[in-house]
Amino acid sequence: MTETKRTNKTILVDGLKLMGGSLACMFTGPTLIYISQTKLKQPIDTIILIIAILICCLAIFLAFKGIQTILDSMFKKEPN
């Protein structure tokens, strides 16, 4: 009798944590971009804009890494 594949729960939880971090960055980045663009009069607004763009890039990276980790938890073969 063959054993069916099971989802590795610990890896799945790690993937969901990454997706949660991505979700937080998806709201924080655009909010900071909006704040920095409404007043763009002071030099600190340019620094906030750069940080906001980096947060948006981090959101994209975390989303891809989270999806990859979740898929690995479901479909990757476990070493014996």
Protein backbone atom coordinates (compact mmCIF):
# COMPACT_ATOMS: atom_id res chain seq x y z
CA MET A 1 0.00 0.00 0.00
CA THR A 2 1.38 3.42 -0.92
CA GLU A 3 1.33 6.28 1.49
CA THR A 4 -0.36 9.46 0.30
CA LYS A 5 1.49 12.75 0.40
CA ARG A 6 0.67 14.99 3.32
CA THR A 7 1.15 18.70 3.76
CA ASN A 8 4.10 19.60 5.95
CA LYS A 9 2.38 21.80 8.53
CA THR A 10 5.51 23.55 9.84
CA ILE A 11 6.56 24.68 6.37
CA LEU A 12 2.97 25.72 5.64
CA VAL A 13 2.93 27.92 8.75
CA ASP A 14 6.21 29.52 7.67
CA GLY A 15 4.69 30.30 4.27
CA LEU A 16 1.62 31.83 5.87
CA LYS A 17 3.83 34.02 8.07
CA LEU A 18 5.62 35.26 4.95
CA MET A 19 2.27 36.02 3.33
CA GLY A 20 1.19 37.92 6.44
CA GLY A 21 4.35 40.03 6.27
CA SER A 22 3.67 40.65 2.60
CA LEU A 23 0.13 41.77 3.40
CA ALA A 24 1.41 44.25 5.98
CA CYS A 25 3.92 45.65 3.49
CA MET A 26 1.23 45.86 0.79
CA PHE A 27 -0.68 48.34 2.94
CA THR A 28 2.27 50.19 4.48
CA GLY A 29 4.19 50.91 1.25
CA PRO A 30 1.42 52.59 -0.77
CA THR A 31 0.25 54.50 2.31
CA LEU A 32 3.74 55.96 2.78
CA ILE A 33 3.94 56.77 -0.94
CA TYR A 34 0.67 58.67 -0.71
CA ILE A 35 1.81 60.56 2.38
CA SER A 36 5.14 61.51 0.82
CA GLN A 37 3.52 62.65 -2.45
CA THR A 38 0.94 64.90 -0.84
CA LYS A 39 3.49 67.26 0.67
CA LEU A 40 6.81 66.65 -1.19
CA LYS A 41 8.19 70.01 0.03
CA GLN A 42 10.78 68.89 2.54
CA PRO A 43 13.85 66.68 2.03
CA ILE A 44 12.46 64.14 4.51
CA ASP A 45 9.58 63.45 2.09
CA THR A 46 12.07 62.19 -0.51
CA ILE A 47 13.59 59.82 2.05
CA ILE A 48 10.12 58.57 2.99
CA LEU A 49 9.36 58.00 -0.70
CA ILE A 50 12.52 55.91 -1.14
CA ILE A 51 11.70 53.87 1.97
CA ALA A 52 8.13 53.36 0.74
CA ILE A 53 9.33 52.08 -2.64
CA LEU A 54 11.66 49.65 -0.87
CA ILE A 55 8.75 48.43 1.28
CA CYS A 56 6.69 47.84 -1.88
CA CYS A 57 9.54 45.81 -3.38
CA LEU A 58 9.77 43.85 -0.12
CA ALA A 59 6.03 43.10 -0.35
CA ILE A 60 6.46 41.61 -3.81
CA PHE A 61 9.46 39.53 -2.69
CA LEU A 62 7.66 38.23 0.41
CA ALA A 63 4.58 37.33 -1.64
CA PHE A 64 6.60 35.26 -4.11
CA LYS A 65 8.63 33.63 -1.34
CA GLY A 66 5.45 32.88 0.66
CA ILE A 67 3.69 31.28 -2.31
CA GLN A 68 6.79 29.24 -3.09
CA THR A 69 7.02 28.04 0.52
CA ILE A 70 3.33 27.11 0.65
CA LEU A 71 3.62 25.15 -2.59
CA ASP A 72 6.74 23.41 -1.29
CA SER A 73 4.87 22.35 1.83
CA MET A 74 2.21 20.68 -0.29
CA PHE A 75 4.08 19.20 -3.24
CA LYS A 76 7.78 18.82 -2.36
CA LYS A 77 8.99 15.33 -1.62
CA GLU A 78 10.26 14.82 1.90
CA PRO A 79 13.64 13.12 2.31
CA ASN A 80 13.45 9.71 4.01
